[in-house]
Amino acid sequence: MKKCLAYSVSLVFLVSASLVFAEIKSLIKEYTYQAGELDSKAGIR
């Protein structure tokens, strides 16, 4: 039982440490769409 508690405490410590050092990243991508003859305004919503 003590071994299980020790593993649980270690796991909580490692997870919380990884959250502290986590980094937020934003990815932005731009693109252009060329509408063809089969595309229509009614088909795009």
Protein backbone atom coordinates (compact mmCIF):
# COMPACT_ATOMS: atom_id res chain seq x y z
CA MET A 1 0.00 0.00 0.00
CA LYS A 2 2.82 2.41 0.83
CA LYS A 3 4.47 1.59 -2.49
CA CYS A 4 1.27 2.50 -4.37
CA LEU A 5 1.00 5.77 -2.44
CA ALA A 6 4.62 6.61 -3.24
CA TYR A 7 4.01 5.97 -6.96
CA SER A 8 0.89 8.13 -6.88
CA VAL A 9 2.68 11.02 -5.20
CA SER A 10 5.55 10.75 -7.69
CA LEU A 11 3.15 10.74 -10.63
CA VAL A 12 1.29 13.81 -9.34
CA PHE A 13 4.60 15.62 -8.86
CA LEU A 14 5.82 14.81 -12.37
CA VAL A 15 2.53 15.84 -14.00
CA SER A 16 2.36 19.12 -12.09
CA ALA A 17 6.00 19.88 -12.92
CA SER A 18 5.35 19.33 -16.63
CA LEU A 19 2.37 21.71 -16.50
CA VAL A 20 4.50 24.43 -14.91
CA PHE A 21 7.03 24.27 -17.74
CA ALA A 22 4.44 23.92 -20.52
CA GLU A 23 4.56 26.47 -23.30
CA ILE A 24 1.60 27.82 -25.27
CA LYS A 25 2.12 27.96 -29.03
CA SER A 26 -0.16 29.46 -31.66
CA LEU A 27 0.05 28.35 -35.26
CA ILE A 28 -1.33 30.57 -38.00
CA LYS A 29 -1.48 29.59 -41.65
CA GLU A 30 -2.85 31.59 -44.55
CA TYR A 31 -4.05 30.05 -47.77
CA THR A 32 -5.82 31.00 -50.98
CA TYR A 33 -8.65 29.04 -52.56
CA GLN A 34 -9.23 29.27 -56.29
CA ALA A 35 -12.90 28.61 -57.03
CA GLY A 36 -13.54 26.52 -60.12
CA GLU A 37 -16.45 26.40 -62.56
CA LEU A 38 -18.29 23.79 -60.46
CA ASP A 39 -18.14 25.94 -57.32
CA SER A 40 -21.07 28.24 -56.66
CA LYS A 41 -22.11 30.70 -54.01
CA ALA A 42 -24.99 28.39 -53.07
CA GLY A 43 -22.59 25.51 -52.35
CA ILE A 44 -20.41 27.54 -49.99
CA ARG A 45 -21.91 28.17 -46.57
